[in-house]
Amino acid sequence: MNVKSILIVWVALAAPAFSQGFAGMGQSADGFALPTPEPHFTFPEDHGAHPDFRIEWWYLTANLKGEDGKDYGAQWTLFRNALAPEGGTGWSNPQIWMGHAGLTTPEAHFSAERFARGGIGTAGVTASPFEAFIGDWTMAGPDLNAITLTAQGTDFSYSLDARATQPFVRQGANGYSVKSPEGQASYYYSQPFYEVTGEIVLPSGPVAVTGTAWLDREWSSQPLSPDQTGWDWFALNLPGGEKLMAFRLRHDDGADFHSGTWITADGTPTPFASDDLVATPLGWSETKGGRVPTRWRLEIPAYNLDIEVSALNPQSWMDTSVAYWEGPVRFKGSHAGVGYLEMTGYDDPNP
């Protein structure tokens, strides 16, 4: 099977699985394993792939400061989608892989994409020593606490070293993250405590950078609710060393579902319920992919948080087969800092 055939398979079978915020979650889960409450994560094994689940990702975003004084953002993502719950070898292996890389400056946004078929050695993940790769894009190290990321596109590249300073964080109820009032869920943990050094390469040349990074690991087989159209996901670094993960899953009727986790500076997570978070779009930008909210107000009264979040570059549209907005943000108000925002389901120019 040639590259064109791989793309045909992906577009025909795998792409619909990502149509609602990458959750996979618009197709039947028949035959696949399902998340259950009170998961028992085992590391390093759970850093690897879970092929009995339909969809999974390794998703890292980095807020960076260049030696030139500018702010930058980088993204490295590997998605796995299973076409069937049971596997074969070689070309009969049902795992499809997609890689996305992004690099954001205040003036420009760059993105690149790769595809691969499982079973033939062109993409995959091993838990120990850790390696996730698609072609020559890699996230690898002795374990997931110390990794090097490399990726390149037509107009950019980067090589970043990330070192964790706190333990992994379970999102939701001990790693069981509910996505709707009906109870659809995923397994979800993060490493939001990476310190980063490295180099980005722009059309103007290389720039040495330092900063922080956030890794999300998530896998599931369950569809979202039929009326859920996309999501808005925030990963924020607070000034006291705390972290905030929050998301809004949008519903057709406007009764959106919210969830998130407050993470203390030592890595202790406390999940909060849908009613605890208010996420309000304040300003919209016209992008290549449509009209997108790039300025937000987030309120969590229980933590005295009331902030305004704005994009470093409102034009951070990932121009990929499964298109979405992904970019670094800044925030101010009761707290000030930087983070990342992902928004999916905004492919309609008039949402």
Protein backbone atom coordinates (compact mmCIF):
# COMPACT_ATOMS: atom_id res chain seq x y z
CA MET A 1 0.00 0.00 0.00
CA ASN A 2 1.44 3.39 -1.00
CA VAL A 3 1.17 6.75 0.73
CA LYS A 4 -1.84 7.76 -1.34
CA SER A 5 -3.66 4.62 -0.25
CA ILE A 6 -2.88 5.40 3.39
CA LEU A 7 -4.39 8.84 3.00
CA ILE A 8 -7.51 7.39 1.35
CA VAL A 9 -7.94 4.95 4.22
CA TRP A 10 -7.46 7.71 6.77
CA VAL A 11 -9.87 10.16 5.17
CA ALA A 12 -12.53 7.52 4.56
CA LEU A 13 -12.36 5.76 7.91
CA ALA A 14 -10.31 7.57 10.52
CA ALA A 15 -11.00 11.26 10.01
CA PRO A 16 -14.66 11.08 11.10
CA ALA A 17 -13.43 9.70 14.42
CA PHE A 18 -11.75 13.04 15.09
CA SER A 19 -14.62 15.23 13.97
CA GLN A 20 -15.69 16.17 17.50
CA GLY A 21 -12.59 17.47 19.20
CA PHE A 22 -10.45 14.41 18.48
CA ALA A 23 -12.42 12.36 20.94
CA GLY A 24 -13.21 9.84 18.30
CA MET A 25 -16.22 10.13 19.38
CA GLY A 26 -18.75 10.17 16.60
CA GLN A 27 -18.70 6.48 15.73
CA SER A 28 -19.84 3.26 17.31
CA ALA A 29 -17.55 1.80 19.96
CA ASP A 30 -18.71 -1.80 19.36
CA GLY A 31 -16.02 -4.30 20.30
CA PHE A 32 -13.62 -1.79 21.85
CA ALA A 33 -12.70 -1.56 25.51
CA LEU A 34 -14.54 1.13 27.49
CA PRO A 35 -13.30 3.39 30.28
CA THR A 36 -14.62 2.58 33.74
CA PRO A 37 -14.49 4.60 36.98
CA GLU A 38 -11.51 4.26 39.33
CA PRO A 39 -8.87 3.34 36.76
CA HIS A 40 -5.65 1.71 37.92
CA PHE A 41 -2.86 3.37 35.96
CA THR A 42 0.48 1.58 35.88
CA PHE A 43 3.61 3.47 34.86
CA PRO A 44 5.54 3.21 32.66
CA GLU A 45 3.19 0.74 30.91
CA ASP A 46 0.34 3.24 30.52
CA HIS A 47 2.66 5.71 28.79
CA GLY A 48 2.47 3.29 25.85
CA ALA A 49 -0.37 2.53 23.44
CA HIS A 50 -3.73 0.97 24.35
CA PRO A 51 -4.81 -0.65 21.05
CA ASP A 52 -7.96 -2.18 22.55
CA PHE A 53 -9.34 1.37 22.85
CA ARG A 54 -10.45 3.19 19.73
CA ILE A 55 -8.61 6.50 20.05
CA GLU A 56 -5.61 7.86 21.96
CA TRP A 57 -3.14 10.73 21.93
CA TRP A 58 0.18 12.01 23.24
CA TYR A 59 -0.22 15.80 23.21
CA LEU A 60 2.45 18.30 24.28
CA THR A 61 2.25 22.09 24.18
CA ALA A 62 5.04 24.46 25.24
CA ASN A 63 5.09 28.13 26.20
CA LEU A 64 8.51 29.44 25.25
CA LYS A 65 10.57 32.60 25.63
CA GLY A 66 13.25 33.27 23.02
CA GLU A 67 16.69 34.71 23.61
CA ASP A 68 15.37 37.55 21.43
CA GLY A 69 12.81 38.41 24.13
CA LYS A 70 9.78 37.20 22.12
CA ASP A 71 7.12 34.72 23.22
CA TYR A 72 6.62 31.53 21.21
CA GLY A 73 4.54 28.38 21.37
CA ALA A 74 5.18 24.83 20.16
CA GLN A 75 2.91 21.80 19.75
CA TRP A 76 3.80 18.11 19.21
CA THR A 77 0.96 15.60 18.92
CA LEU A 78 0.62 11.95 17.97
CA PHE A 79 -2.88 10.54 17.48
CA ARG A 80 -3.74 6.84 17.25
CA ASN A 81 -7.05 5.66 15.82
CA ALA A 82 -8.05 1.99 15.60
CA LEU A 83 -10.16 0.89 12.63
CA ALA A 84 -11.04 -2.37 14.42
CA PRO A 85 -10.79 -3.67 17.99
CA GLU A 86 -8.56 -6.59 17.05
CA GLY A 87 -5.25 -6.39 15.25
CA GLY A 88 -3.15 -8.16 12.70
CA THR A 89 0.42 -7.73 11.57
CA GLY A 90 1.98 -5.64 8.83
CA TRP A 91 -0.51 -3.87 6.59
CA SER A 92 -3.40 -5.74 8.25
CA ASN A 93 -2.73 -3.92 11.51
CA PRO A 94 -5.80 -1.71 12.16
CA GLN A 95 -3.94 1.18 13.82
CA ILE A 96 -3.82 4.50 11.95
CA TRP A 97 -1.46 7.23 13.16
CA MET A 98 -1.57 10.99 12.59
CA GLY A 99 1.03 13.52 13.73
CA HIS A 100 0.60 17.28 14.10
CA ALA A 101 3.32 19.84 14.80
CA GLY A 102 2.85 23.55 15.28
CA LEU A 103 5.00 26.58 15.98
CA THR A 104 3.54 29.97 16.88
CA THR A 105 5.13 33.42 16.94
CA PRO A 106 3.41 36.76 17.60
CA GLU A 107 3.41 37.34 13.84
CA ALA A 108 2.99 33.86 12.27
CA HIS A 109 1.71 30.35 12.84
CA PHE A 110 3.21 27.25 11.20
CA SER A 111 1.73 23.75 11.08
CA ALA A 112 2.61 20.38 9.60
CA GLU A 113 0.97 16.96 9.46
CA ARG A 114 1.97 13.34 8.94
CA PHE A 115 0.15 10.02 8.50
CA ALA A 116 1.26 6.44 8.98
CA ARG A 117 -0.19 2.94 9.16
CA GLY A 118 0.50 0.74 12.16
CA GLY A 119 2.36 -2.54 11.84
CA ILE A 120 5.01 -1.48 9.34
CA GLY A 121 7.38 0.48 11.59
CA THR A 122 6.58 4.02 10.42
CA ALA A 123 4.89 5.17 13.64
CA GLY A 124 4.28 3.90 17.13
CA VAL A 125 4.88 4.22 20.85
CA THR A 126 6.96 2.18 23.28
CA ALA A 127 6.66 2.69 27.03
CA SER A 128 10.17 1.93 28.31
CA PRO A 129 12.44 3.45 27.28
CA PHE A 130 9.83 5.91 26.10
CA GLU A 131 9.52 6.68 22.40
CA ALA A 132 6.64 8.07 20.38
CA PHE A 133 7.37 8.68 16.72
CA ILE A 134 5.89 9.18 13.29
CA GLY A 135 8.54 9.17 10.59
CA ASP A 136 11.44 11.26 11.91
CA TRP A 137 9.31 13.26 14.32
CA THR A 138 10.10 11.96 17.80
CA MET A 139 9.24 12.35 21.46
CA ALA A 140 11.74 10.15 23.25
CA GLY A 141 13.80 9.70 26.38
CA PRO A 142 14.73 7.22 29.10
CA ASP A 143 11.19 7.72 30.44
CA LEU A 144 8.37 10.21 30.06
CA ASN A 145 9.87 12.44 32.76
CA ALA A 146 12.83 13.38 30.55
CA ILE A 147 12.14 13.68 26.83
CA THR A 148 13.43 15.33 23.69
CA LEU A 149 10.97 16.43 21.01
CA THR A 150 11.81 16.99 17.37
CA ALA A 151 9.60 17.97 14.44
CA GLN A 152 9.84 19.95 11.25
CA GLY A 153 7.62 21.39 8.56
CA THR A 154 8.20 23.30 5.36
CA ASP A 155 9.05 26.56 7.13
CA PHE A 156 9.95 25.59 10.69
CA SER A 157 11.52 23.02 12.99
CA TYR A 158 12.31 22.59 16.65
CA SER A 159 14.28 20.46 19.06
CA LEU A 160 13.19 20.77 22.69
CA ASP A 161 14.34 19.05 25.90
CA ALA A 162 11.64 18.72 28.59
CA ARG A 163 12.28 17.64 32.19
CA ALA A 164 9.46 17.03 34.69
CA THR A 165 9.69 18.52 38.18
CA GLN A 166 6.54 16.96 39.74
CA PRO A 167 4.62 13.66 39.43
CA PHE A 168 2.01 12.91 36.78
CA VAL A 169 -1.44 14.34 37.47
CA ARG A 170 -4.70 12.40 37.11
CA GLN A 171 -7.47 14.46 35.55
CA GLY A 172 -11.13 14.10 36.46
CA ALA A 173 -12.05 11.54 39.12
CA ASN A 174 -8.71 9.83 39.70
CA GLY A 175 -8.02 9.71 35.96
CA TYR A 176 -11.61 9.09 34.81
CA SER A 177 -12.65 12.21 32.89
CA VAL A 178 -16.39 12.56 32.20
CA LYS A 179 -17.29 14.40 28.99
CA SER A 180 -21.08 14.76 29.09
CA PRO A 181 -24.15 14.60 31.36
CA GLU A 182 -24.82 11.16 29.85
CA GLY A 183 -21.54 9.91 31.31
CA GLN A 184 -19.25 9.38 28.31
CA ALA A 185 -15.67 9.43 29.56
CA SER A 186 -11.99 8.92 28.85
CA TYR A 187 -8.90 7.93 30.78
CA TYR A 188 -6.85 11.10 31.19
CA TYR A 189 -3.62 12.08 32.93
CA SER A 190 -1.16 14.93 32.41
CA GLN A 191 2.36 16.09 33.06
CA PRO A 192 1.99 19.87 33.39
CA PHE A 193 5.32 20.43 35.14
CA TYR A 194 7.94 20.27 32.39
CA GLU A 195 10.79 22.76 32.22
CA VAL A 196 12.01 23.22 28.66
CA THR A 197 15.19 24.28 26.88
CA GLY A 198 16.00 24.01 23.21
CA GLU A 199 15.92 25.68 19.83
CA ILE A 200 13.27 26.63 17.32
CA VAL A 201 14.08 27.37 13.69
CA LEU A 202 12.04 29.95 11.78
CA PRO A 203 12.41 31.23 8.21
CA SER A 204 14.51 34.02 9.74
CA GLY A 205 16.83 31.55 11.47
CA PRO A 206 17.33 29.68 14.77
CA VAL A 207 16.28 31.01 18.17
CA ALA A 208 17.32 29.52 21.52
CA VAL A 209 14.33 29.15 23.86
CA THR A 210 13.40 28.26 27.42
CA GLY A 211 10.00 27.75 28.98
CA THR A 212 7.46 25.27 30.26
CA ALA A 213 5.46 22.44 28.68
CA TRP A 214 2.31 20.44 29.36
CA LEU A 215 1.69 16.86 28.20
CA ASP A 216 -1.79 15.34 28.01
CA ARG A 217 -2.37 11.59 27.70
CA GLU A 218 -5.88 10.46 26.92
CA TRP A 219 -7.61 7.38 25.52
CA SER A 220 -11.21 6.26 25.10
CA SER A 221 -13.72 4.44 22.90
CA GLN A 222 -16.94 6.22 23.77
CA PRO A 223 -18.84 8.60 21.51
CA LEU A 224 -19.64 12.07 22.66
CA SER A 225 -23.28 13.04 22.87
CA PRO A 226 -24.87 13.58 19.44
CA ASP A 227 -25.51 17.26 20.16
CA GLN A 228 -21.91 18.05 21.17
CA THR A 229 -20.23 20.04 18.42
CA GLY A 230 -16.68 20.69 19.68
CA TRP A 231 -14.64 21.80 22.64
CA ASP A 232 -12.58 24.64 24.11
CA TRP A 233 -9.66 23.39 26.24
CA PHE A 234 -7.40 25.53 28.46
CA ALA A 235 -4.08 24.56 30.07
CA LEU A 236 -2.87 27.46 32.20
CA ASN A 237 0.25 28.11 34.32
CA LEU A 238 -0.65 30.22 37.36
CA PRO A 239 1.83 32.58 39.07
CA GLY A 240 2.12 30.59 42.31
CA GLY A 241 3.11 27.41 40.48
CA GLU A 242 -0.45 26.07 40.35
CA LYS A 243 -1.89 24.69 37.10
CA LEU A 244 -5.42 24.81 35.73
CA MET A 245 -6.95 22.45 33.20
CA ALA A 246 -10.45 23.42 32.09
CA PHE A 247 -12.66 22.56 29.15
CA ARG A 248 -16.06 23.41 27.72
CA LEU A 249 -17.83 20.88 25.49
CA ARG A 250 -20.33 22.79 23.39
CA HIS A 251 -23.90 21.60 22.88
CA ASP A 252 -26.31 22.58 20.13
CA ASP A 253 -28.81 23.90 22.67
CA GLY A 254 -26.23 26.02 24.52
CA ALA A 255 -26.32 23.88 27.69
CA ASP A 256 -22.58 23.33 27.55
CA PHE A 257 -20.70 20.82 29.70
CA HIS A 258 -17.72 22.11 31.70
CA SER A 259 -15.05 20.29 33.66
CA GLY A 260 -11.53 20.78 34.90
CA THR A 261 -8.88 20.29 37.53
CA TRP A 262 -7.13 22.69 39.90
CA ILE A 263 -3.56 21.47 40.45
CA THR A 264 -1.46 22.77 43.34
CA ALA A 265 2.21 23.63 42.94
CA ASP A 266 3.20 20.24 44.37
CA GLY A 267 1.02 18.39 41.83
CA THR A 268 -2.07 17.65 43.95
CA PRO A 269 -5.21 17.67 41.73
CA THR A 270 -8.72 18.67 42.74
CA PRO A 271 -11.39 18.17 40.06
CA PHE A 272 -14.33 20.54 39.84
CA ALA A 273 -17.80 20.08 38.40
CA SER A 274 -19.52 21.68 35.43
CA ASP A 275 -21.28 24.29 37.56
CA ASP A 276 -18.01 25.49 39.11
CA LEU A 277 -16.63 26.98 35.87
CA VAL A 278 -17.93 29.81 33.71
CA ALA A 279 -16.20 30.20 30.32
CA THR A 280 -17.41 33.17 28.29
CA PRO A 281 -16.12 34.23 24.84
CA LEU A 282 -15.31 37.96 24.83
CA GLY A 283 -13.81 38.51 21.39
CA TRP A 284 -13.74 36.71 18.05
CA SER A 285 -11.21 36.59 15.20
CA GLU A 286 -11.67 35.74 11.55
CA THR A 287 -9.19 32.98 10.71
CA LYS A 288 -8.51 30.75 7.75
CA GLY A 289 -10.79 28.16 9.32
CA GLY A 290 -13.65 30.47 10.27
CA ARG A 291 -14.67 32.74 13.10
CA VAL A 292 -13.04 31.69 16.39
CA PRO A 293 -13.21 33.12 19.95
CA THR A 294 -9.66 34.22 20.76
CA ARG A 295 -10.43 36.24 23.90
CA TRP A 296 -12.18 34.66 26.91
CA ARG A 297 -13.26 35.27 30.47
CA LEU A 298 -12.79 32.31 32.85
CA GLU A 299 -14.37 32.33 36.31
CA ILE A 300 -13.98 29.77 39.10
CA PRO A 301 -15.40 31.40 42.25
CA ALA A 302 -14.25 28.57 44.53
CA TYR A 303 -10.64 29.52 43.76
CA ASN A 304 -11.21 33.28 43.47
CA LEU A 305 -10.21 33.07 39.84
CA ASP A 306 -11.53 35.65 37.38
CA ILE A 307 -9.25 36.12 34.39
CA GLU A 308 -9.25 37.36 30.81
CA VAL A 309 -7.45 35.01 28.39
CA SER A 310 -6.16 36.25 25.02
CA ALA A 311 -4.28 34.61 22.17
CA LEU A 312 -0.64 35.42 21.50
CA ASN A 313 -1.52 35.14 17.81
CA PRO A 314 -5.23 34.97 16.90
CA GLN A 315 -4.33 33.34 13.57
CA SER A 316 -3.10 30.09 15.19
CA TRP A 317 -5.20 27.86 12.93
CA MET A 318 -3.88 24.33 12.39
CA ASP A 319 -4.33 23.96 8.65
CA THR A 320 -4.41 20.17 8.76
CA SER A 321 -6.76 17.46 7.51
CA VAL A 322 -8.60 17.62 10.82
CA ALA A 323 -8.45 21.40 11.27
CA TYR A 324 -8.69 23.30 14.56
CA TRP A 325 -7.29 26.29 16.46
CA GLU A 326 -4.30 25.69 18.76
CA GLY A 327 -2.01 28.31 20.20
CA PRO A 328 -0.35 29.96 23.21
CA VAL A 329 -2.34 32.40 25.33
CA ARG A 330 -1.74 34.99 28.02
CA PHE A 331 -4.08 35.85 30.87
CA LYS A 332 -4.55 38.63 33.43
CA GLY A 333 -6.99 39.59 36.17
CA SER A 334 -7.10 37.83 39.53
CA HIS A 335 -4.14 35.77 38.26
CA ALA A 336 -1.63 36.38 35.47
CA GLY A 337 0.39 33.96 33.38
CA VAL A 338 0.59 31.98 30.16
CA GLY A 339 -0.85 28.76 28.81
CA TYR A 340 -2.37 27.06 25.80
CA LEU A 341 -5.82 26.98 24.22
CA GLU A 342 -7.29 24.42 21.83
CA MET A 343 -10.63 24.97 20.08
CA THR A 344 -12.33 22.45 17.81
CA GLY A 345 -15.55 22.44 15.82
CA TYR A 346 -15.21 26.00 14.52
CA ASP A 347 -15.00 25.06 10.84
CA ASP A 348 -18.24 26.93 10.08
CA PRO A 349 -17.47 30.55 9.02
CA ASN A 350 -20.66 31.60 10.85
CA PRO A 351 -20.88 29.52 14.07
